[in-house]
Amino acid sequence: MADVAFIASHFTRTPDFPKKGINFLDFTPILRSPVGFEALITHLTHHILTTHKGVAPDVIVGLDARGFLFGPILALRLGAAFVPVRKGGKLPGAVEVVKYEKEYGFDEFEMQAGAVKPGQKVIVVDDLIATGGSASAAGQLVKKSGGETIEYVFIVGLPFLKGHEKLDAPAYSVVQEDD
């Protein structure tokens, strides 16, 4: 697919980051290219519209912090609300909280209570799916709120880590990495 190759051409690799032995694929350089970023947003919008014909999402949930870079734009394009999922202690007011296991320990995510209404269809977005802990936690927050996650959408997927197997809905990644 030509647009995927064009999108991926904007990514950079950083060896031994965040720790030795990891070959980090960084999507953020695409943010410096208006045409590249537009291609990414258009690709994601097209994927969602064609995958969910007749079942438009009511809410796009973006994960702290990179999901905030493209989640609101997708929500705007799709006519959906945007709801941020933040790390613990970052949101004011009443919140729903889920603790989850990360690659290097434990953390917690929170979402403002009532931000997702019962019955709403939700797409969870983030830059990367690795082991699936943070995405799964976001899905649990959606479920606690009475919403239904219809898909998880990522810019980069690492299928060899099997994170998608922890999710309660299908997952899509623009770029799949094997190492």
N, C-alpha and C. Protein backbone atom coordinates (compact mmCIF):
# COMPACT_ATOMS: atom_id res chain seq x y z
N MET A 1 0.85 -1.18 0.00
CA MET A 1 0.00 0.00 0.00
C MET A 1 0.90 1.25 0.00
N ALA A 2 0.76 2.07 -1.00
CA ALA A 2 1.65 3.20 -1.19
C ALA A 2 1.58 4.22 -0.06
N ASP A 3 0.37 4.49 0.45
CA ASP A 3 0.27 5.48 1.52
C ASP A 3 0.96 5.01 2.79
N VAL A 4 0.91 3.71 3.09
CA VAL A 4 1.59 3.19 4.28
C VAL A 4 3.10 3.34 4.13
N ALA A 5 3.63 3.04 2.96
CA ALA A 5 5.07 3.21 2.73
C ALA A 5 5.46 4.68 2.87
N PHE A 6 4.63 5.58 2.34
CA PHE A 6 4.90 7.01 2.45
C PHE A 6 4.88 7.44 3.92
N ILE A 7 3.89 6.98 4.66
CA ILE A 7 3.78 7.31 6.09
C ILE A 7 5.01 6.79 6.83
N ALA A 8 5.34 5.53 6.63
CA ALA A 8 6.47 4.91 7.34
C ALA A 8 7.80 5.56 6.98
N SER A 9 7.89 6.15 5.79
CA SER A 9 9.15 6.78 5.39
C SER A 9 9.49 7.99 6.27
N HIS A 10 8.53 8.49 7.01
CA HIS A 10 8.76 9.62 7.92
C HIS A 10 9.24 9.20 9.30
N PHE A 11 9.18 7.91 9.60
CA PHE A 11 9.57 7.40 10.92
C PHE A 11 11.08 7.25 11.00
N THR A 12 11.61 7.32 12.20
CA THR A 12 13.04 7.09 12.40
C THR A 12 13.24 5.95 13.39
N ARG A 13 14.41 5.34 13.33
CA ARG A 13 14.77 4.26 14.25
C ARG A 13 15.88 4.74 15.18
N THR A 14 15.74 4.38 16.45
CA THR A 14 16.76 4.69 17.43
C THR A 14 17.15 3.39 18.12
N PRO A 15 18.37 2.90 17.85
CA PRO A 15 18.79 1.65 18.51
C PRO A 15 19.04 1.86 20.00
N ASP A 16 18.79 0.80 20.76
CA ASP A 16 19.05 0.77 22.21
C ASP A 16 18.29 1.86 22.97
N PHE A 17 17.03 2.10 22.55
CA PHE A 17 16.17 3.05 23.26
C PHE A 17 14.80 2.42 23.43
N PRO A 18 14.20 2.47 24.59
CA PRO A 18 14.61 3.14 25.81
C PRO A 18 15.62 2.34 26.64
N LYS A 19 15.94 1.13 26.18
CA LYS A 19 16.99 0.37 26.86
C LYS A 19 17.71 -0.49 25.83
N LYS A 20 18.86 -0.98 26.20
CA LYS A 20 19.70 -1.76 25.29
C LYS A 20 18.92 -2.95 24.72
N GLY A 21 19.09 -3.15 23.43
CA GLY A 21 18.43 -4.26 22.75
C GLY A 21 17.11 -3.91 22.10
N ILE A 22 16.58 -2.73 22.40
CA ILE A 22 15.31 -2.30 21.79
C ILE A 22 15.62 -1.37 20.63
N ASN A 23 15.00 -1.65 19.49
CA ASN A 23 15.16 -0.84 18.28
C ASN A 23 13.88 0.00 18.17
N PHE A 24 13.90 1.23 18.68
CA PHE A 24 12.72 2.07 18.81
C PHE A 24 12.34 2.71 17.49
N LEU A 25 11.09 2.53 17.07
CA LEU A 25 10.56 3.16 15.87
C LEU A 25 9.75 4.38 16.30
N ASP A 26 10.24 5.56 15.94
CA ASP A 26 9.65 6.83 16.37
C ASP A 26 8.81 7.43 15.25
N PHE A 27 7.51 7.59 15.51
CA PHE A 27 6.63 8.17 14.51
C PHE A 27 6.61 9.70 14.56
N THR A 28 7.13 10.32 15.64
CA THR A 28 6.95 11.76 15.82
C THR A 28 7.57 12.64 14.73
N PRO A 29 8.60 12.19 13.98
CA PRO A 29 9.07 13.06 12.89
C PRO A 29 7.99 13.38 11.84
N ILE A 30 6.96 12.53 11.74
CA ILE A 30 5.90 12.81 10.77
C ILE A 30 5.15 14.09 11.13
N LEU A 31 5.20 14.48 12.40
CA LEU A 31 4.52 15.70 12.83
C LEU A 31 5.17 16.95 12.25
N ARG A 32 6.41 16.83 11.79
CA ARG A 32 7.11 17.97 11.17
C ARG A 32 6.83 18.09 9.68
N SER A 33 6.09 17.13 9.15
CA SER A 33 5.74 17.14 7.73
C SER A 33 4.23 17.29 7.59
N PRO A 34 3.75 18.48 7.22
CA PRO A 34 2.30 18.64 7.07
C PRO A 34 1.68 17.62 6.10
N VAL A 35 2.36 17.33 5.01
CA VAL A 35 1.83 16.37 4.04
C VAL A 35 1.86 14.96 4.61
N GLY A 36 2.94 14.60 5.29
CA GLY A 36 3.03 13.29 5.91
C GLY A 36 1.99 13.09 7.00
N PHE A 37 1.82 14.11 7.85
CA PHE A 37 0.85 14.01 8.93
C PHE A 37 -0.57 13.94 8.37
N GLU A 38 -0.84 14.72 7.34
CA GLU A 38 -2.15 14.65 6.69
C GLU A 38 -2.39 13.25 6.11
N ALA A 39 -1.36 12.66 5.52
CA ALA A 39 -1.49 11.30 4.98
C ALA A 39 -1.83 10.31 6.09
N LEU A 40 -1.19 10.45 7.25
CA LEU A 40 -1.47 9.56 8.39
C LEU A 40 -2.91 9.73 8.86
N ILE A 41 -3.34 10.96 9.07
CA ILE A 41 -4.70 11.22 9.55
C ILE A 41 -5.73 10.73 8.53
N THR A 42 -5.48 10.98 7.25
CA THR A 42 -6.40 10.52 6.20
C THR A 42 -6.45 9.00 6.16
N HIS A 43 -5.30 8.36 6.29
CA HIS A 43 -5.27 6.89 6.29
C HIS A 43 -6.09 6.34 7.46
N LEU A 44 -5.88 6.88 8.66
CA LEU A 44 -6.61 6.40 9.83
C LEU A 44 -8.11 6.66 9.69
N THR A 45 -8.48 7.84 9.20
CA THR A 45 -9.89 8.18 9.00
C THR A 45 -10.52 7.21 8.00
N HIS A 46 -9.84 6.98 6.89
CA HIS A 46 -10.35 6.06 5.87
C HIS A 46 -10.52 4.65 6.44
N HIS A 47 -9.52 4.20 7.19
CA HIS A 47 -9.62 2.87 7.80
C HIS A 47 -10.86 2.77 8.69
N ILE A 48 -11.06 3.74 9.55
CA ILE A 48 -12.20 3.70 10.48
C ILE A 48 -13.52 3.75 9.72
N LEU A 49 -13.63 4.65 8.76
CA LEU A 49 -14.89 4.78 8.01
C LEU A 49 -15.22 3.53 7.20
N THR A 50 -14.21 2.89 6.63
CA THR A 50 -14.49 1.70 5.81
C THR A 50 -14.66 0.44 6.67
N THR A 51 -14.02 0.40 7.82
CA THR A 51 -14.13 -0.76 8.69
C THR A 51 -15.46 -0.75 9.45
N HIS A 52 -15.94 0.42 9.79
CA HIS A 52 -17.12 0.53 10.64
C HIS A 52 -18.29 1.18 9.90
N LYS A 53 -18.55 0.74 8.68
CA LYS A 53 -19.67 1.27 7.90
C LYS A 53 -20.96 1.09 8.68
N GLY A 54 -21.69 2.17 8.86
CA GLY A 54 -22.97 2.11 9.56
C GLY A 54 -22.85 2.08 11.07
N VAL A 55 -21.63 2.05 11.62
CA VAL A 55 -21.42 2.04 13.07
C VAL A 55 -20.37 3.08 13.41
N ALA A 56 -20.71 4.33 13.22
CA ALA A 56 -19.76 5.40 13.47
C ALA A 56 -19.42 5.46 14.96
N PRO A 57 -18.17 5.70 15.29
CA PRO A 57 -17.82 5.84 16.71
C PRO A 57 -18.43 7.12 17.28
N ASP A 58 -18.85 7.02 18.53
CA ASP A 58 -19.34 8.20 19.24
C ASP A 58 -18.19 8.93 19.92
N VAL A 59 -17.15 8.15 20.28
CA VAL A 59 -16.05 8.70 21.07
C VAL A 59 -14.72 8.11 20.57
N ILE A 60 -13.72 8.98 20.48
CA ILE A 60 -12.34 8.54 20.30
C ILE A 60 -11.65 8.74 21.64
N VAL A 61 -11.10 7.67 22.19
CA VAL A 61 -10.36 7.74 23.44
C VAL A 61 -8.88 7.71 23.10
N GLY A 62 -8.14 8.74 23.52
CA GLY A 62 -6.71 8.82 23.26
C GLY A 62 -5.92 8.59 24.52
N LEU A 63 -4.87 7.77 24.41
CA LEU A 63 -4.04 7.44 25.57
C LEU A 63 -2.93 8.46 25.76
N ASP A 64 -2.66 8.75 27.03
CA ASP A 64 -1.61 9.66 27.46
C ASP A 64 -0.26 9.11 27.00
N ALA A 65 0.50 9.84 26.30
CA ALA A 65 0.34 11.20 25.83
C ALA A 65 0.30 11.24 24.30
N ARG A 66 0.86 10.25 23.63
CA ARG A 66 0.93 10.34 22.17
C ARG A 66 -0.42 10.18 21.49
N GLY A 67 -1.35 9.50 22.14
CA GLY A 67 -2.70 9.42 21.59
C GLY A 67 -3.38 10.77 21.52
N PHE A 68 -2.86 11.74 22.30
CA PHE A 68 -3.40 13.10 22.27
C PHE A 68 -2.96 13.85 21.02
N LEU A 69 -1.92 13.38 20.36
CA LEU A 69 -1.39 14.10 19.19
C LEU A 69 -2.28 13.93 17.96
N PHE A 70 -2.94 12.78 17.84
CA PHE A 70 -3.77 12.57 16.65
C PHE A 70 -5.22 12.20 16.98
N GLY A 71 -5.50 11.80 18.22
CA GLY A 71 -6.86 11.45 18.61
C GLY A 71 -7.87 12.56 18.42
N PRO A 72 -7.59 13.79 18.88
CA PRO A 72 -8.57 14.87 18.70
C PRO A 72 -8.85 15.19 17.23
N ILE A 73 -7.82 15.08 16.39
CA ILE A 73 -8.02 15.35 14.96
C ILE A 73 -8.92 14.28 14.36
N LEU A 74 -8.68 13.01 14.70
CA LEU A 74 -9.55 11.94 14.22
C LEU A 74 -10.99 12.15 14.70
N ALA A 75 -11.15 12.50 15.97
CA ALA A 75 -12.49 12.74 16.50
C ALA A 75 -13.20 13.84 15.71
N LEU A 76 -12.49 14.92 15.45
CA LEU A 76 -13.07 16.02 14.70
C LEU A 76 -13.48 15.57 13.30
N ARG A 77 -12.60 14.84 12.62
CA ARG A 77 -12.92 14.36 11.27
C ARG A 77 -14.11 13.41 11.26
N LEU A 78 -14.27 12.64 12.33
CA LEU A 78 -15.33 11.63 12.38
C LEU A 78 -16.61 12.14 13.03
N GLY A 79 -16.59 13.38 13.51
CA GLY A 79 -17.77 13.92 14.19
C GLY A 79 -18.02 13.25 15.53
N ALA A 80 -16.95 12.84 16.19
CA ALA A 80 -17.03 12.15 17.47
C ALA A 80 -16.44 13.02 18.57
N ALA A 81 -16.75 12.67 19.81
CA ALA A 81 -16.13 13.33 20.96
C ALA A 81 -14.72 12.78 21.15
N PHE A 82 -13.87 13.56 21.80
CA PHE A 82 -12.55 13.06 22.19
C PHE A 82 -12.49 13.01 23.70
N VAL A 83 -12.01 11.88 24.23
CA VAL A 83 -11.86 11.71 25.68
C VAL A 83 -10.43 11.27 25.96
N PRO A 84 -9.69 12.03 26.78
CA PRO A 84 -8.33 11.63 27.12
C PRO A 84 -8.32 10.63 28.28
N VAL A 85 -7.44 9.64 28.17
CA VAL A 85 -7.14 8.74 29.27
C VAL A 85 -5.75 9.16 29.75
N ARG A 86 -5.66 9.53 31.03
CA ARG A 86 -4.42 10.09 31.57
C ARG A 86 -3.81 9.15 32.61
N LYS A 87 -2.54 9.37 32.86
CA LYS A 87 -1.88 8.67 33.96
C LYS A 87 -2.49 9.17 35.27
N GLY A 88 -2.43 8.36 36.30
CA GLY A 88 -3.06 8.66 37.58
C GLY A 88 -2.70 10.02 38.14
N GLY A 89 -3.71 10.70 38.71
CA GLY A 89 -3.49 11.98 39.39
C GLY A 89 -3.44 13.19 38.48
N LYS A 90 -3.78 13.05 37.21
CA LYS A 90 -3.66 14.17 36.27
C LYS A 90 -4.99 14.82 35.90
N LEU A 91 -6.12 14.18 36.24
CA LEU A 91 -7.41 14.72 35.85
C LEU A 91 -8.18 15.25 37.06
N PRO A 92 -8.84 16.41 36.91
CA PRO A 92 -9.65 16.95 38.00
C PRO A 92 -11.01 16.24 38.09
N GLY A 93 -11.64 16.36 39.23
CA GLY A 93 -12.99 15.84 39.41
C GLY A 93 -13.01 14.34 39.64
N ALA A 94 -14.23 13.79 39.57
CA ALA A 94 -14.42 12.35 39.76
C ALA A 94 -13.85 11.59 38.57
N VAL A 95 -13.12 10.52 38.86
CA VAL A 95 -12.50 9.73 37.80
C VAL A 95 -12.72 8.24 38.03
N GLU A 96 -12.68 7.51 36.93
CA GLU A 96 -12.62 6.05 36.97
C GLU A 96 -11.13 5.70 36.89
N VAL A 97 -10.69 4.68 37.63
CA VAL A 97 -9.28 4.32 37.68
C VAL A 97 -9.11 2.84 37.40
N VAL A 98 -8.08 2.50 36.61
CA VAL A 98 -7.69 1.11 36.37
C VAL A 98 -6.19 1.00 36.55
N LYS A 99 -5.76 0.03 37.33
CA LYS A 99 -4.33 -0.26 37.48
C LYS A 99 -3.97 -1.33 36.45
N TYR A 100 -2.76 -1.22 35.89
CA TYR A 100 -2.33 -2.18 34.88
C TYR A 100 -0.84 -2.43 34.96
N GLU A 101 -0.44 -3.56 34.37
CA GLU A 101 0.97 -3.94 34.36
C GLU A 101 1.60 -3.44 33.07
N LYS A 102 2.76 -2.81 33.22
CA LYS A 102 3.53 -2.33 32.07
C LYS A 102 4.74 -3.24 31.88
N GLU A 103 5.51 -2.95 30.83
CA GLU A 103 6.71 -3.72 30.54
C GLU A 103 7.68 -3.69 31.72
N TYR A 104 7.71 -2.55 32.46
CA TYR A 104 8.70 -2.36 33.51
C TYR A 104 8.08 -2.08 34.87
N GLY A 105 6.89 -2.59 35.14
CA GLY A 105 6.26 -2.37 36.44
C GLY A 105 4.76 -2.16 36.32
N PHE A 106 4.20 -1.40 37.26
CA PHE A 106 2.76 -1.14 37.29
C PHE A 106 2.49 0.35 37.18
N ASP A 107 1.28 0.67 36.69
CA ASP A 107 0.87 2.06 36.55
C ASP A 107 -0.65 2.10 36.67
N GLU A 108 -1.20 3.29 36.58
CA GLU A 108 -2.66 3.39 36.54
C GLU A 108 -3.07 4.46 35.56
N PHE A 109 -4.24 4.22 34.96
CA PHE A 109 -4.86 5.16 34.04
C PHE A 109 -6.16 5.62 34.66
N GLU A 110 -6.55 6.83 34.29
CA GLU A 110 -7.84 7.34 34.73
C GLU A 110 -8.54 8.09 33.61
N MET A 111 -9.86 8.13 33.74
CA MET A 111 -10.72 8.83 32.79
C MET A 111 -11.79 9.52 33.61
N GLN A 112 -12.15 10.73 33.23
CA GLN A 112 -13.17 11.45 33.98
C GLN A 112 -14.48 10.67 33.96
N ALA A 113 -15.09 10.55 35.12
CA ALA A 113 -16.36 9.84 35.24
C ALA A 113 -17.40 10.52 34.35
N GLY A 114 -18.15 9.74 33.62
CA GLY A 114 -19.20 10.27 32.75
C GLY A 114 -18.72 10.75 31.39
N ALA A 115 -17.42 10.72 31.13
CA ALA A 115 -16.90 11.19 29.84
C ALA A 115 -17.36 10.27 28.71
N VAL A 116 -17.44 8.97 28.98
CA VAL A 116 -18.01 8.01 28.04
C VAL A 116 -19.34 7.58 28.65
N LYS A 117 -20.40 7.71 27.88
CA LYS A 117 -21.75 7.38 28.35
C LYS A 117 -22.09 5.93 28.03
N PRO A 118 -22.97 5.33 28.84
CA PRO A 118 -23.39 3.96 28.55
C PRO A 118 -23.92 3.82 27.13
N GLY A 119 -23.48 2.76 26.47
CA GLY A 119 -23.93 2.47 25.11
C GLY A 119 -23.13 3.14 24.00
N GLN A 120 -22.26 4.07 24.34
CA GLN A 120 -21.49 4.74 23.29
C GLN A 120 -20.45 3.79 22.69
N LYS A 121 -20.27 3.92 21.37
CA LYS A 121 -19.28 3.15 20.63
C LYS A 121 -17.96 3.93 20.66
N VAL A 122 -16.87 3.22 21.01
CA VAL A 122 -15.59 3.88 21.27
C VAL A 122 -14.48 3.24 20.45
N ILE A 123 -13.59 4.08 19.93
CA ILE A 123 -12.34 3.62 19.34
C ILE A 123 -11.21 4.19 20.20
N VAL A 124 -10.33 3.30 20.65
CA VAL A 124 -9.18 3.68 21.47
C VAL A 124 -7.98 3.86 20.55
N VAL A 125 -7.27 4.99 20.66
CA VAL A 125 -6.12 5.26 19.81
C VAL A 125 -4.87 5.53 20.63
N ASP A 126 -3.74 5.04 20.11
CA ASP A 126 -2.44 5.32 20.70
C ASP A 126 -1.40 5.14 19.61
N ASP A 127 -0.18 5.56 19.90
CA ASP A 127 0.87 5.47 18.89
C ASP A 127 1.37 4.06 18.68
N LEU A 128 1.38 3.24 19.75
CA LEU A 128 2.07 1.95 19.70
C LEU A 128 1.34 0.91 20.52
N ILE A 129 1.27 -0.30 19.99
CA ILE A 129 0.86 -1.43 20.82
C ILE A 129 2.03 -2.38 20.92
N ALA A 130 2.45 -2.62 22.15
CA ALA A 130 3.54 -3.55 22.43
C ALA A 130 2.94 -4.73 23.19
N THR A 131 3.00 -4.71 24.51
CA THR A 131 2.47 -5.82 25.31
C THR A 131 0.97 -5.69 25.57
N GLY A 132 0.37 -4.54 25.25
CA GLY A 132 -1.07 -4.37 25.34
C GLY A 132 -1.60 -3.91 26.69
N GLY A 133 -0.72 -3.70 27.66
CA GLY A 133 -1.18 -3.32 29.00
C GLY A 133 -1.94 -2.01 29.05
N SER A 134 -1.40 -0.96 28.45
CA SER A 134 -2.06 0.34 28.53
C SER A 134 -3.34 0.37 27.70
N ALA A 135 -3.32 -0.22 26.53
CA ALA A 135 -4.53 -0.26 25.70
C ALA A 135 -5.63 -1.06 26.39
N SER A 136 -5.26 -2.18 26.97
CA SER A 136 -6.24 -3.00 27.69
C SER A 136 -6.83 -2.23 28.87
N ALA A 137 -6.00 -1.47 29.58
CA ALA A 137 -6.49 -0.66 30.70
C ALA A 137 -7.48 0.38 30.22
N ALA A 138 -7.20 1.01 29.07
CA ALA A 138 -8.13 1.99 28.51
C ALA A 138 -9.46 1.31 28.17
N GLY A 139 -9.38 0.11 27.60
CA GLY A 139 -10.60 -0.64 27.29
C GLY A 139 -11.41 -0.96 28.54
N GLN A 140 -10.71 -1.25 29.64
CA GLN A 140 -11.40 -1.51 30.91
C GLN A 140 -12.10 -0.25 31.41
N LEU A 141 -11.47 0.91 31.23
CA LEU A 141 -12.11 2.16 31.62
C LEU A 141 -13.37 2.42 30.80
N VAL A 142 -13.30 2.15 29.51
CA VAL A 142 -14.47 2.31 28.64
C VAL A 142 -15.59 1.39 29.13
N LYS A 143 -15.25 0.15 29.40
CA LYS A 143 -16.24 -0.83 29.86
C LYS A 143 -16.85 -0.42 31.21
N LYS A 144 -16.02 0.06 32.16
CA LYS A 144 -16.51 0.52 33.46
C LYS A 144 -17.53 1.65 33.29
N SER A 145 -17.35 2.44 32.24
CA SER A 145 -18.24 3.57 31.99
C SER A 145 -19.50 3.17 31.24
N GLY A 146 -19.56 1.91 30.81
CA GLY A 146 -20.74 1.45 30.07
C GLY A 146 -20.62 1.58 28.57
N GLY A 147 -19.45 2.03 28.09
CA GLY A 147 -19.23 2.14 26.65
C GLY A 147 -18.79 0.81 26.07
N GLU A 148 -18.73 0.76 24.74
CA GLU A 148 -18.30 -0.44 24.04
C GLU A 148 -17.13 -0.08 23.11
N THR A 149 -15.98 -0.69 23.35
CA THR A 149 -14.84 -0.48 22.45
C THR A 149 -15.07 -1.31 21.20
N ILE A 150 -15.10 -0.63 20.05
CA ILE A 150 -15.31 -1.35 18.79
C ILE A 150 -14.01 -1.62 18.05
N GLU A 151 -12.95 -0.89 18.42
CA GLU A 151 -11.64 -1.14 17.80
C GLU A 151 -10.57 -0.37 18.56
N TYR A 152 -9.35 -0.89 18.47
CA TYR A 152 -8.15 -0.23 18.95
C TYR A 152 -7.32 0.10 17.72
N VAL A 153 -6.87 1.35 17.61
CA VAL A 153 -6.14 1.80 16.44
C VAL A 153 -4.78 2.36 16.88
N PHE A 154 -3.74 1.88 16.22
CA PHE A 154 -2.37 2.27 16.56
C PHE A 154 -1.62 2.69 15.30
N ILE A 155 -0.60 3.49 15.47
CA ILE A 155 0.25 3.84 14.34
C ILE A 155 1.24 2.71 14.10
N VAL A 156 1.83 2.18 15.18
CA VAL A 156 2.81 1.09 15.06
C VAL A 156 2.36 -0.09 15.92
N GLY A 157 2.42 -1.27 15.34
CA GLY A 157 2.12 -2.50 16.06
C GLY A 157 3.34 -3.39 16.13
N LEU A 158 3.51 -4.05 17.26
CA LEU A 158 4.57 -5.03 17.46
C LEU A 158 3.91 -6.39 17.70
N PRO A 159 3.43 -7.04 16.63
CA PRO A 159 2.63 -8.26 16.81
C PRO A 159 3.36 -9.41 17.49
N PHE A 160 4.68 -9.43 17.42
CA PHE A 160 5.45 -10.50 18.05
C PHE A 160 5.34 -10.47 19.58
N LEU A 161 4.91 -9.32 20.14
CA LEU A 161 4.72 -9.22 21.59
C LEU A 161 3.30 -9.64 22.02
N LYS A 162 2.43 -9.86 21.03
CA LYS A 162 1.08 -10.39 21.25
C LYS A 162 0.19 -9.53 22.14
N GLY A 163 0.44 -8.22 22.16
CA GLY A 163 -0.40 -7.32 22.96
C GLY A 163 -1.84 -7.29 22.49
N HIS A 164 -2.06 -7.46 21.20
CA HIS A 164 -3.42 -7.44 20.66
C HIS A 164 -4.28 -8.55 21.25
N GLU A 165 -3.65 -9.62 21.74
CA GLU A 165 -4.40 -10.73 22.32
C GLU A 165 -5.04 -10.37 23.66
N LYS A 166 -4.59 -9.28 24.29
CA LYS A 166 -5.16 -8.83 25.57
C LYS A 166 -6.37 -7.93 25.39
N LEU A 167 -6.67 -7.57 24.17
CA LEU A 167 -7.71 -6.57 23.91
C LEU A 167 -9.07 -7.21 23.69
N ASP A 168 -10.12 -6.47 24.01
CA ASP A 168 -11.48 -6.97 23.90
C ASP A 168 -12.18 -6.57 22.60
N ALA A 169 -11.42 -6.07 21.65
CA ALA A 169 -11.95 -5.70 20.34
C ALA A 169 -10.80 -5.82 19.33
N PRO A 170 -11.13 -5.83 18.04
CA PRO A 170 -10.06 -5.91 17.03
C PRO A 170 -9.08 -4.75 17.14
N ALA A 171 -7.84 -5.01 16.70
CA ALA A 171 -6.80 -3.99 16.69
C ALA A 171 -6.29 -3.79 15.28
N TYR A 172 -5.97 -2.54 14.95
CA TYR A 172 -5.39 -2.19 13.66
C TYR A 172 -4.17 -1.33 13.89
N SER A 173 -3.09 -1.65 13.17
CA SER A 173 -1.87 -0.83 13.20
C SER A 173 -1.53 -0.45 11.76
N VAL A 174 -1.19 0.80 11.55
CA VAL A 174 -0.80 1.26 10.22
C VAL A 174 0.46 0.53 9.78
N VAL A 175 1.46 0.47 10.67
CA VAL A 175 2.74 -0.16 10.37
C VAL A 175 2.96 -1.30 11.35
N GLN A 176 3.36 -2.46 10.85
CA GLN A 176 3.67 -3.62 11.69
C GLN A 176 5.19 -3.80 11.71
N GLU A 177 5.75 -3.94 12.90
CA GLU A 177 7.18 -4.15 13.06
C GLU A 177 7.45 -5.55 13.58
N ASP A 178 8.48 -6.18 13.06
CA ASP A 178 8.80 -7.55 13.47
C ASP A 178 9.95 -7.63 14.46
N ASP A 179 10.57 -6.51 14.83
CA ASP A 179 11.66 -6.58 15.81
C ASP A 179 11.67 -5.37 16.71
